[in-house]
N, C-alpha and C. Protein backbone atom coordinates (compact mmCIF):
# COMPACT_ATOMS: atom_id res chain seq x y z
N MET A 1 13.12 19.80 112.47
CA MET A 1 11.74 19.95 112.86
C MET A 1 11.69 20.30 114.33
N CYS A 2 11.52 21.53 114.63
CA CYS A 2 11.43 22.00 116.01
C CYS A 2 10.13 21.47 116.62
N HIS A 3 10.24 20.76 117.74
CA HIS A 3 9.04 20.20 118.37
C HIS A 3 8.92 20.60 119.85
N ARG A 4 9.86 21.42 120.31
CA ARG A 4 9.84 21.87 121.70
C ARG A 4 10.75 23.08 121.80
N MET A 5 10.35 24.05 122.62
CA MET A 5 11.16 25.26 122.78
C MET A 5 11.00 25.80 124.18
N VAL A 6 11.93 26.67 124.56
CA VAL A 6 11.85 27.37 125.84
C VAL A 6 11.48 28.82 125.50
N PRO A 7 10.19 29.14 125.58
CA PRO A 7 9.73 30.48 125.18
C PRO A 7 9.96 31.51 126.28
N LEU A 8 9.74 32.74 125.92
CA LEU A 8 9.73 33.79 126.92
C LEU A 8 8.29 34.01 127.38
N GLN A 9 8.15 34.66 128.50
CA GLN A 9 6.82 35.01 128.98
C GLN A 9 6.43 36.37 128.42
N ARG A 10 5.13 36.60 128.32
CA ARG A 10 4.63 37.85 127.76
C ARG A 10 5.23 39.09 128.44
N PRO A 11 5.31 39.15 129.79
CA PRO A 11 5.91 40.34 130.40
C PRO A 11 7.37 40.57 129.98
N GLU A 12 8.10 39.50 129.73
CA GLU A 12 9.48 39.66 129.26
C GLU A 12 9.52 40.30 127.88
N LEU A 13 8.61 39.89 127.01
CA LEU A 13 8.56 40.48 125.67
C LEU A 13 8.12 41.94 125.72
N GLU A 14 7.17 42.24 126.59
CA GLU A 14 6.71 43.62 126.72
C GLU A 14 7.82 44.51 127.26
N GLN A 15 8.63 44.01 128.21
CA GLN A 15 9.77 44.78 128.70
C GLN A 15 10.80 45.00 127.60
N ALA A 16 11.00 43.98 126.77
CA ALA A 16 11.94 44.12 125.66
C ALA A 16 11.48 45.18 124.68
N LEU A 17 10.18 45.23 124.37
CA LEU A 17 9.67 46.26 123.47
C LEU A 17 9.76 47.65 124.08
N ASP A 18 9.50 47.76 125.39
CA ASP A 18 9.66 49.05 126.07
C ASP A 18 11.10 49.53 125.95
N ALA A 19 12.06 48.63 126.17
CA ALA A 19 13.48 49.00 126.04
C ALA A 19 13.81 49.40 124.61
N LEU A 20 13.24 48.70 123.64
CA LEU A 20 13.48 49.03 122.24
C LEU A 20 12.99 50.43 121.92
N GLU A 21 11.80 50.78 122.40
CA GLU A 21 11.26 52.11 122.14
C GLU A 21 12.06 53.20 122.83
N GLN A 22 12.60 52.93 124.02
CA GLN A 22 13.34 53.94 124.78
C GLN A 22 14.79 54.07 124.36
N THR A 23 15.44 52.94 124.02
CA THR A 23 16.88 52.97 123.77
C THR A 23 17.28 52.57 122.36
N GLY A 24 16.34 52.01 121.60
CA GLY A 24 16.67 51.51 120.28
C GLY A 24 17.19 50.08 120.29
N ARG A 25 17.29 49.49 121.47
CA ARG A 25 17.75 48.10 121.60
C ARG A 25 16.77 47.31 122.46
N ALA A 26 16.37 46.16 121.98
CA ALA A 26 15.48 45.30 122.76
C ALA A 26 16.32 44.55 123.77
N ARG A 27 16.01 44.71 125.04
CA ARG A 27 16.74 44.00 126.10
C ARG A 27 15.75 43.20 126.92
N VAL A 28 16.08 41.94 127.09
CA VAL A 28 15.26 41.06 127.92
C VAL A 28 15.97 40.93 129.26
N PRO A 29 15.26 41.23 130.35
CA PRO A 29 15.92 41.10 131.65
C PRO A 29 16.28 39.65 131.94
N SER A 30 17.31 39.46 132.74
CA SER A 30 17.67 38.10 133.15
C SER A 30 16.51 37.50 133.92
N ARG A 31 16.25 36.26 133.67
CA ARG A 31 15.15 35.58 134.32
C ARG A 31 15.58 35.13 135.71
N ASP A 32 14.72 35.37 136.68
CA ASP A 32 14.94 34.89 138.04
C ASP A 32 14.98 33.37 137.99
N LEU A 33 16.02 32.78 138.54
CA LEU A 33 16.16 31.33 138.48
C LEU A 33 15.04 30.59 139.19
N ALA A 34 14.32 31.27 140.08
CA ALA A 34 13.20 30.65 140.78
C ALA A 34 11.95 30.60 139.90
N THR A 35 11.96 31.36 138.81
CA THR A 35 10.80 31.37 137.92
C THR A 35 10.83 30.14 137.02
N ILE A 36 9.80 29.36 137.10
CA ILE A 36 9.70 28.16 136.27
C ILE A 36 8.78 28.46 135.10
N VAL A 37 9.32 28.34 133.92
CA VAL A 37 8.54 28.55 132.70
C VAL A 37 8.54 27.21 131.96
N PRO A 38 7.38 26.62 131.77
CA PRO A 38 7.35 25.32 131.10
C PRO A 38 7.77 25.43 129.64
N ASP A 39 8.38 24.36 129.15
CA ASP A 39 8.70 24.29 127.74
C ASP A 39 7.40 24.32 126.94
N ALA A 40 7.47 24.84 125.75
CA ALA A 40 6.29 24.88 124.88
C ALA A 40 6.38 23.75 123.86
N TYR A 41 5.25 23.12 123.64
CA TYR A 41 5.09 22.05 122.67
C TYR A 41 3.99 22.46 121.70
N PRO A 42 3.89 21.81 120.54
CA PRO A 42 2.78 22.12 119.64
C PRO A 42 1.44 22.07 120.38
N GLY A 43 0.62 23.07 120.13
CA GLY A 43 -0.66 23.21 120.81
C GLY A 43 -0.62 24.23 121.93
N ALA A 44 0.59 24.62 122.36
CA ALA A 44 0.73 25.61 123.43
C ALA A 44 0.49 27.02 122.88
N VAL A 45 0.05 27.91 123.76
CA VAL A 45 -0.09 29.32 123.42
C VAL A 45 1.23 29.99 123.79
N VAL A 46 1.84 30.67 122.82
CA VAL A 46 3.18 31.23 122.97
C VAL A 46 3.14 32.72 122.61
N PRO A 47 3.77 33.58 123.43
CA PRO A 47 3.86 34.99 123.04
C PRO A 47 4.91 35.19 121.94
N LEU A 48 4.56 36.01 120.95
CA LEU A 48 5.41 36.28 119.78
C LEU A 48 5.54 37.77 119.56
N PHE A 49 6.49 38.13 118.72
CA PHE A 49 6.54 39.48 118.18
C PHE A 49 5.90 39.43 116.80
N VAL A 50 4.89 40.28 116.60
CA VAL A 50 4.17 40.37 115.32
C VAL A 50 4.21 41.83 114.88
N TRP A 51 4.43 42.07 113.60
CA TRP A 51 4.42 43.44 113.09
C TRP A 51 2.99 43.88 112.85
N ASP A 52 2.67 45.11 113.29
CA ASP A 52 1.34 45.65 113.03
C ASP A 52 1.33 46.33 111.66
N ASP A 53 0.21 46.92 111.30
CA ASP A 53 0.07 47.55 109.98
C ASP A 53 1.01 48.74 109.78
N ASP A 54 1.50 49.32 110.89
CA ASP A 54 2.43 50.44 110.80
C ASP A 54 3.89 49.99 110.82
N GLY A 55 4.11 48.67 110.83
CA GLY A 55 5.47 48.15 110.83
C GLY A 55 6.13 48.11 112.20
N ARG A 56 5.33 48.30 113.24
CA ARG A 56 5.86 48.27 114.61
C ARG A 56 5.62 46.89 115.21
N LEU A 57 6.58 46.46 116.02
CA LEU A 57 6.44 45.17 116.69
C LEU A 57 5.43 45.27 117.83
N ARG A 58 4.64 44.24 117.95
CA ARG A 58 3.67 44.11 119.03
C ARG A 58 3.79 42.70 119.60
N VAL A 59 3.45 42.56 120.86
CA VAL A 59 3.42 41.23 121.48
C VAL A 59 2.01 40.67 121.29
N MET A 60 1.95 39.49 120.71
CA MET A 60 0.69 38.79 120.51
C MET A 60 0.89 37.35 120.93
N GLU A 61 -0.19 36.71 121.33
CA GLU A 61 -0.11 35.29 121.66
C GLU A 61 -0.83 34.50 120.58
N ARG A 62 -0.21 33.41 120.18
CA ARG A 62 -0.76 32.53 119.16
C ARG A 62 -0.56 31.08 119.60
N THR A 63 -1.43 30.22 119.09
CA THR A 63 -1.32 28.79 119.36
C THR A 63 -0.34 28.18 118.37
N TRP A 64 0.56 27.34 118.87
CA TRP A 64 1.59 26.74 118.03
C TRP A 64 0.99 25.59 117.23
N GLY A 65 0.82 25.80 115.94
CA GLY A 65 0.35 24.78 115.03
C GLY A 65 -0.88 25.20 114.28
N PHE A 66 -0.82 25.08 112.96
CA PHE A 66 -1.97 25.31 112.10
C PHE A 66 -2.75 24.01 111.96
N GLU A 67 -4.05 24.13 111.82
CA GLU A 67 -4.88 22.95 111.57
C GLU A 67 -4.96 22.76 110.05
N ALA A 68 -4.68 21.55 109.61
CA ALA A 68 -4.71 21.26 108.17
C ALA A 68 -5.47 19.96 107.94
N GLN A 69 -6.08 19.87 106.78
CA GLN A 69 -6.74 18.63 106.36
C GLN A 69 -5.79 17.89 105.43
N LEU A 70 -5.31 16.76 105.88
CA LEU A 70 -4.39 15.95 105.09
C LEU A 70 -4.96 14.55 104.97
N GLY A 71 -5.25 14.14 103.75
CA GLY A 71 -5.80 12.81 103.53
C GLY A 71 -7.14 12.61 104.21
N GLY A 72 -7.95 13.68 104.30
CA GLY A 72 -9.27 13.58 104.92
C GLY A 72 -9.25 13.62 106.44
N ARG A 73 -8.07 13.82 107.01
CA ARG A 73 -7.96 13.89 108.48
C ARG A 73 -7.40 15.24 108.89
N SER A 74 -7.84 15.71 110.04
CA SER A 74 -7.32 16.96 110.58
C SER A 74 -6.00 16.68 111.28
N LYS A 75 -5.01 17.53 111.01
CA LYS A 75 -3.69 17.35 111.58
C LYS A 75 -3.12 18.72 111.94
N ARG A 76 -2.37 18.78 113.06
CA ARG A 76 -1.70 20.02 113.44
C ARG A 76 -0.33 20.07 112.76
N VAL A 77 -0.08 21.14 112.03
CA VAL A 77 1.19 21.33 111.34
C VAL A 77 1.92 22.45 112.08
N PHE A 78 3.02 22.10 112.75
CA PHE A 78 3.67 23.07 113.61
C PHE A 78 4.99 23.60 113.07
N ASN A 79 5.44 23.08 111.95
CA ASN A 79 6.63 23.59 111.28
C ASN A 79 6.30 23.87 109.82
N THR A 80 6.96 24.87 109.27
CA THR A 80 6.76 25.26 107.88
C THR A 80 8.09 25.18 107.15
N ARG A 81 8.19 24.33 106.17
CA ARG A 81 9.41 24.25 105.37
C ARG A 81 9.52 25.53 104.53
N ILE A 82 10.64 26.20 104.67
CA ILE A 82 10.79 27.47 103.95
C ILE A 82 10.73 27.25 102.44
N GLU A 83 11.24 26.13 101.95
CA GLU A 83 11.21 25.86 100.52
C GLU A 83 9.77 25.77 100.01
N THR A 84 8.93 25.09 100.78
CA THR A 84 7.51 24.96 100.41
C THR A 84 6.82 26.31 100.47
N ALA A 85 7.07 27.05 101.54
CA ALA A 85 6.42 28.36 101.70
C ALA A 85 6.83 29.32 100.59
N LEU A 86 8.11 29.31 100.21
CA LEU A 86 8.56 30.20 99.14
C LEU A 86 7.92 29.82 97.80
N ALA A 87 7.81 28.52 97.53
CA ALA A 87 7.16 28.08 96.28
C ALA A 87 5.69 28.48 96.28
N GLN A 88 5.02 28.36 97.43
CA GLN A 88 3.61 28.74 97.49
C GLN A 88 3.45 30.26 97.41
N ALA A 89 4.40 31.00 97.95
CA ALA A 89 4.33 32.46 97.82
C ALA A 89 4.44 32.87 96.35
N ARG A 90 5.32 32.19 95.60
CA ARG A 90 5.47 32.50 94.17
C ARG A 90 4.21 32.16 93.39
N SER A 91 3.58 31.03 93.72
CA SER A 91 2.40 30.61 92.97
C SER A 91 1.12 31.28 93.46
N GLY A 92 1.16 31.80 94.70
CA GLY A 92 -0.03 32.41 95.28
C GLY A 92 -1.06 31.41 95.75
N ARG A 93 -0.68 30.14 95.81
CA ARG A 93 -1.61 29.09 96.23
C ARG A 93 -0.94 28.21 97.28
N GLY A 94 -1.77 27.66 98.16
CA GLY A 94 -1.27 26.73 99.15
C GLY A 94 -1.43 27.26 100.57
N MET A 95 -1.29 26.37 101.50
CA MET A 95 -1.50 26.66 102.91
C MET A 95 -0.60 27.79 103.44
N TRP A 96 0.63 27.89 102.92
CA TRP A 96 1.60 28.85 103.46
C TRP A 96 1.70 30.14 102.64
N ALA A 97 0.99 30.26 101.53
CA ALA A 97 1.11 31.45 100.67
C ALA A 97 0.77 32.72 101.44
N GLY A 98 -0.34 32.73 102.17
CA GLY A 98 -0.73 33.92 102.94
C GLY A 98 0.18 34.19 104.12
N PRO A 99 0.43 33.19 104.98
CA PRO A 99 1.28 33.44 106.14
C PRO A 99 2.71 33.88 105.79
N ILE A 100 3.31 33.32 104.72
CA ILE A 100 4.69 33.70 104.42
C ILE A 100 4.76 35.09 103.78
N THR A 101 3.72 35.49 103.05
CA THR A 101 3.76 36.82 102.43
C THR A 101 3.25 37.91 103.36
N GLY A 102 2.28 37.61 104.21
CA GLY A 102 1.71 38.66 105.06
C GLY A 102 1.64 38.35 106.54
N GLY A 103 2.25 37.26 106.98
CA GLY A 103 2.14 36.89 108.39
C GLY A 103 3.45 36.46 109.02
N ARG A 104 4.57 37.02 108.56
CA ARG A 104 5.83 36.66 109.19
C ARG A 104 5.89 37.23 110.60
N CYS A 105 6.45 36.46 111.52
CA CYS A 105 6.54 36.88 112.92
C CYS A 105 7.87 36.40 113.50
N LEU A 106 8.15 36.79 114.73
CA LEU A 106 9.38 36.42 115.43
C LEU A 106 9.01 35.61 116.67
N VAL A 107 9.70 34.51 116.88
CA VAL A 107 9.46 33.64 118.02
C VAL A 107 10.67 33.72 118.93
N PRO A 108 10.61 34.52 120.01
CA PRO A 108 11.75 34.63 120.93
C PRO A 108 11.84 33.40 121.84
N VAL A 109 13.04 32.82 121.90
CA VAL A 109 13.26 31.63 122.70
C VAL A 109 14.59 31.72 123.44
N ARG A 110 14.72 30.90 124.45
CA ARG A 110 16.02 30.73 125.13
C ARG A 110 16.76 29.52 124.55
N SER A 111 16.00 28.56 124.02
CA SER A 111 16.57 27.41 123.34
C SER A 111 15.45 26.66 122.62
N PHE A 112 15.86 25.73 121.76
CA PHE A 112 14.89 24.84 121.10
C PHE A 112 15.48 23.43 121.11
N PHE A 113 14.62 22.46 120.86
CA PHE A 113 15.02 21.07 120.93
C PHE A 113 14.72 20.37 119.61
N GLU A 114 15.59 19.43 119.27
CA GLU A 114 15.37 18.56 118.12
C GLU A 114 15.55 17.12 118.60
N PRO A 115 14.75 16.20 118.04
CA PRO A 115 14.98 14.80 118.38
C PRO A 115 16.25 14.31 117.70
N TRP A 116 17.07 13.62 118.43
CA TRP A 116 18.33 13.10 117.91
C TRP A 116 18.05 11.82 117.14
N ARG A 117 18.43 11.81 115.86
CA ARG A 117 18.13 10.67 114.98
C ARG A 117 18.72 9.36 115.50
N ALA A 118 19.91 9.41 116.09
CA ALA A 118 20.61 8.19 116.49
C ALA A 118 20.21 7.68 117.88
N SER A 119 19.37 8.40 118.57
CA SER A 119 18.96 7.97 119.91
C SER A 119 17.49 8.34 120.11
N HIS A 120 17.00 8.06 121.28
CA HIS A 120 15.63 8.45 121.60
C HIS A 120 15.63 9.66 122.52
N LYS A 121 16.66 10.48 122.42
CA LYS A 121 16.80 11.65 123.28
C LYS A 121 16.70 12.92 122.45
N ASP A 122 16.41 14.00 123.15
CA ASP A 122 16.38 15.31 122.51
C ASP A 122 17.73 15.99 122.68
N VAL A 123 18.03 16.88 121.75
CA VAL A 123 19.21 17.72 121.84
C VAL A 123 18.71 19.16 121.99
N ARG A 124 19.28 19.86 122.97
CA ARG A 124 18.92 21.26 123.23
C ARG A 124 19.92 22.15 122.51
N PHE A 125 19.40 23.09 121.72
CA PHE A 125 20.25 24.02 120.99
C PHE A 125 20.08 25.42 121.57
N SER A 126 21.19 26.08 121.75
CA SER A 126 21.18 27.47 122.21
C SER A 126 22.14 28.27 121.33
N TYR A 127 22.08 29.58 121.49
CA TYR A 127 22.89 30.49 120.67
C TYR A 127 23.99 31.03 121.58
N PRO A 128 25.23 30.61 121.38
CA PRO A 128 26.31 31.03 122.27
C PRO A 128 26.40 32.56 122.41
N GLY A 129 26.51 33.00 123.65
CA GLY A 129 26.64 34.43 123.93
C GLY A 129 25.32 35.17 124.00
N ARG A 130 24.21 34.48 123.81
CA ARG A 130 22.90 35.13 123.85
C ARG A 130 21.97 34.37 124.78
N GLN A 131 21.33 35.11 125.68
CA GLN A 131 20.31 34.51 126.55
C GLN A 131 19.06 34.19 125.77
N VAL A 132 18.76 35.04 124.80
CA VAL A 132 17.53 34.95 124.02
C VAL A 132 17.90 35.13 122.55
N PHE A 133 17.22 34.38 121.70
CA PHE A 133 17.40 34.58 120.26
C PHE A 133 16.06 34.38 119.58
N LEU A 134 16.02 34.67 118.30
CA LEU A 134 14.75 34.68 117.55
C LEU A 134 14.71 33.57 116.51
N LEU A 135 13.54 32.94 116.43
CA LEU A 135 13.25 32.00 115.35
C LEU A 135 12.28 32.68 114.39
N ALA A 136 12.44 32.42 113.11
CA ALA A 136 11.50 32.93 112.12
C ALA A 136 10.21 32.13 112.22
N GLY A 137 9.09 32.83 112.17
CA GLY A 137 7.80 32.16 112.22
C GLY A 137 6.84 32.78 111.23
N VAL A 138 5.73 32.09 111.02
CA VAL A 138 4.61 32.62 110.24
C VAL A 138 3.36 32.44 111.07
N CYS A 139 2.41 33.37 110.92
CA CYS A 139 1.21 33.28 111.74
C CYS A 139 0.00 33.83 110.99
N ASP A 140 -1.15 33.55 111.57
CA ASP A 140 -2.39 34.19 111.16
C ASP A 140 -2.99 34.79 112.43
N ALA A 141 -4.25 35.05 112.46
CA ALA A 141 -4.86 35.71 113.61
C ALA A 141 -4.90 34.84 114.86
N GLU A 142 -4.75 33.53 114.70
CA GLU A 142 -4.87 32.64 115.86
C GLU A 142 -3.68 31.71 116.06
N ARG A 143 -2.97 31.37 114.99
CA ARG A 143 -1.96 30.31 115.07
C ARG A 143 -0.62 30.76 114.50
N PHE A 144 0.42 30.00 114.87
CA PHE A 144 1.74 30.25 114.29
C PHE A 144 2.45 28.93 114.03
N SER A 145 3.49 29.02 113.23
CA SER A 145 4.32 27.88 112.90
C SER A 145 5.77 28.36 112.85
N VAL A 146 6.69 27.48 113.24
CA VAL A 146 8.12 27.77 113.16
C VAL A 146 8.59 27.42 111.76
N VAL A 147 9.31 28.34 111.12
CA VAL A 147 9.83 28.11 109.78
C VAL A 147 11.13 27.32 109.89
N THR A 148 11.26 26.26 109.07
CA THR A 148 12.45 25.41 109.12
C THR A 148 13.19 25.43 107.79
N CYS A 149 14.46 25.01 107.86
CA CYS A 149 15.33 24.99 106.69
C CYS A 149 16.26 23.78 106.79
N GLU A 150 17.12 23.65 105.81
CA GLU A 150 18.15 22.61 105.86
C GLU A 150 19.04 22.88 107.07
N PRO A 151 19.53 21.83 107.74
CA PRO A 151 20.34 22.05 108.94
C PRO A 151 21.73 22.58 108.59
N ASN A 152 22.28 23.36 109.50
CA ASN A 152 23.66 23.80 109.34
C ASN A 152 24.59 22.74 109.95
N ALA A 153 25.87 23.03 109.98
CA ALA A 153 26.85 22.04 110.46
C ALA A 153 26.65 21.68 111.93
N ASP A 154 26.09 22.58 112.71
CA ASP A 154 25.88 22.29 114.13
C ASP A 154 24.69 21.37 114.38
N VAL A 155 23.67 21.44 113.54
CA VAL A 155 22.45 20.66 113.73
C VAL A 155 22.46 19.37 112.92
N ALA A 156 23.13 19.35 111.77
CA ALA A 156 23.10 18.21 110.86
C ALA A 156 23.47 16.87 111.50
N PRO A 157 24.40 16.80 112.45
CA PRO A 157 24.69 15.50 113.05
C PRO A 157 23.51 14.92 113.84
N PHE A 158 22.54 15.75 114.16
CA PHE A 158 21.44 15.31 115.02
C PHE A 158 20.09 15.22 114.30
N HIS A 159 19.87 16.10 113.32
CA HIS A 159 18.55 16.15 112.71
C HIS A 159 18.63 16.64 111.28
N THR A 160 17.59 16.35 110.49
CA THR A 160 17.57 16.70 109.07
C THR A 160 16.99 18.08 108.77
N ARG A 161 16.43 18.75 109.77
CA ARG A 161 15.87 20.10 109.61
C ARG A 161 16.26 20.92 110.84
N MET A 162 16.12 22.23 110.72
CA MET A 162 16.31 23.12 111.87
C MET A 162 15.46 24.36 111.69
N PRO A 163 15.11 25.04 112.79
CA PRO A 163 14.41 26.31 112.64
C PRO A 163 15.29 27.35 111.94
N VAL A 164 14.67 28.29 111.30
CA VAL A 164 15.41 29.43 110.75
C VAL A 164 15.74 30.33 111.93
N VAL A 165 16.96 30.17 112.45
CA VAL A 165 17.45 30.95 113.58
C VAL A 165 17.98 32.27 113.03
N LEU A 166 17.49 33.37 113.58
CA LEU A 166 17.89 34.69 113.10
C LEU A 166 19.08 35.21 113.91
N GLY A 167 20.07 35.70 113.20
CA GLY A 167 21.23 36.30 113.84
C GLY A 167 20.99 37.78 114.10
N PRO A 168 21.98 38.47 114.68
CA PRO A 168 21.84 39.89 114.95
C PRO A 168 21.47 40.68 113.70
N GLY A 169 20.45 41.52 113.82
CA GLY A 169 20.01 42.37 112.72
C GLY A 169 19.14 41.69 111.68
N GLU A 170 18.93 40.39 111.79
CA GLU A 170 18.18 39.69 110.75
C GLU A 170 16.66 39.73 110.92
N SER A 171 16.18 40.24 112.05
CA SER A 171 14.72 40.35 112.19
C SER A 171 14.17 41.33 111.15
N ALA A 172 14.91 42.38 110.85
CA ALA A 172 14.47 43.33 109.82
C ALA A 172 14.47 42.67 108.44
N VAL A 173 15.41 41.78 108.20
CA VAL A 173 15.44 41.06 106.92
C VAL A 173 14.22 40.15 106.83
N TRP A 174 13.88 39.45 107.93
CA TRP A 174 12.72 38.56 107.92
C TRP A 174 11.44 39.34 107.65
N HIS A 175 11.38 40.58 108.10
CA HIS A 175 10.20 41.41 107.87
C HIS A 175 10.20 42.02 106.48
N GLY A 176 11.36 42.13 105.87
CA GLY A 176 11.47 42.83 104.59
C GLY A 176 11.27 41.95 103.37
N PRO A 177 11.47 42.53 102.18
CA PRO A 177 11.20 41.82 100.92
C PRO A 177 12.25 40.76 100.57
N ASP A 178 13.42 40.81 101.19
CA ASP A 178 14.52 39.89 100.84
C ASP A 178 14.60 38.71 101.82
N TYR A 179 13.48 38.36 102.46
CA TYR A 179 13.47 37.34 103.50
C TYR A 179 13.90 35.96 103.01
N ALA A 180 13.77 35.66 101.73
CA ALA A 180 14.10 34.33 101.21
C ALA A 180 15.57 33.99 101.41
N ARG A 181 16.43 34.99 101.48
CA ARG A 181 17.85 34.70 101.64
C ARG A 181 18.18 34.09 103.00
N LEU A 182 17.24 34.16 103.94
CA LEU A 182 17.48 33.60 105.27
C LEU A 182 17.33 32.07 105.30
N ALA A 183 17.02 31.47 104.16
CA ALA A 183 16.93 30.01 104.10
C ALA A 183 18.28 29.34 104.35
N ASP A 184 19.36 30.03 104.10
CA ASP A 184 20.70 29.48 104.34
C ASP A 184 21.17 29.91 105.73
N ARG A 185 21.26 28.97 106.64
CA ARG A 185 21.66 29.24 108.02
C ARG A 185 23.05 28.69 108.32
N SER A 186 23.85 28.47 107.29
CA SER A 186 25.18 27.90 107.49
C SER A 186 26.09 28.82 108.31
N GLY A 187 25.84 30.10 108.31
CA GLY A 187 26.67 31.03 109.06
C GLY A 187 26.27 31.22 110.52
N VAL A 188 25.17 30.62 110.93
CA VAL A 188 24.71 30.75 112.32
C VAL A 188 25.34 29.64 113.14
N ARG A 189 26.00 30.00 114.24
CA ARG A 189 26.62 29.01 115.12
C ARG A 189 25.72 28.72 116.30
N LEU A 190 25.48 27.46 116.57
CA LEU A 190 24.64 27.03 117.69
C LEU A 190 25.44 26.05 118.55
N SER A 191 25.09 25.97 119.81
CA SER A 191 25.70 24.94 120.65
C SER A 191 24.64 23.90 120.99
N ALA A 192 25.08 22.65 121.05
CA ALA A 192 24.18 21.52 121.28
C ALA A 192 24.55 20.82 122.57
N ALA A 193 23.52 20.38 123.30
CA ALA A 193 23.72 19.62 124.53
C ALA A 193 22.62 18.58 124.63
N GLU A 194 22.95 17.39 125.03
CA GLU A 194 21.94 16.35 125.21
C GLU A 194 20.99 16.79 126.31
N ALA A 195 19.69 16.70 126.03
CA ALA A 195 18.69 17.14 127.00
C ALA A 195 18.31 16.01 127.94
């Protein structure tokens, strides 16, 4: 259950899209170490990559967390279990049916955090060899949620869920019809550090 992340700033995403259009590769410039970007928590507005009607990536900002009525109370739901979303997509009913079928998005991050089950500390996860990597997300016109799955070997010692971390070339899979296969993240290697 991702509950904190280190997002990119909107200008960084716009520069990455400019590079993608010019060279065919999205490149995010190295961040100036003097630039302080606060971590994002549920309720924060985060810049994302969203596909437009023509299938082109656009930078959009969305609030992290959908509002849901659970047991007569309003609650912010900031993670989406891929198993639940896939079942709702098949049935055509439920909170995630629309977002998973027509609102998949990409959440660019430098790292994400999970609460460590055995302590009261967070563990910071990053993708070795990459300054920036993508998390699978779902969104609507105002909000987004991080899609989660069963943890891989790197995350399992610390937590029972993890974001669907996309590897090289998998953003096209997340956008395409075969996105369900991304539920298995056993092949993605992450590094963990106590935060």
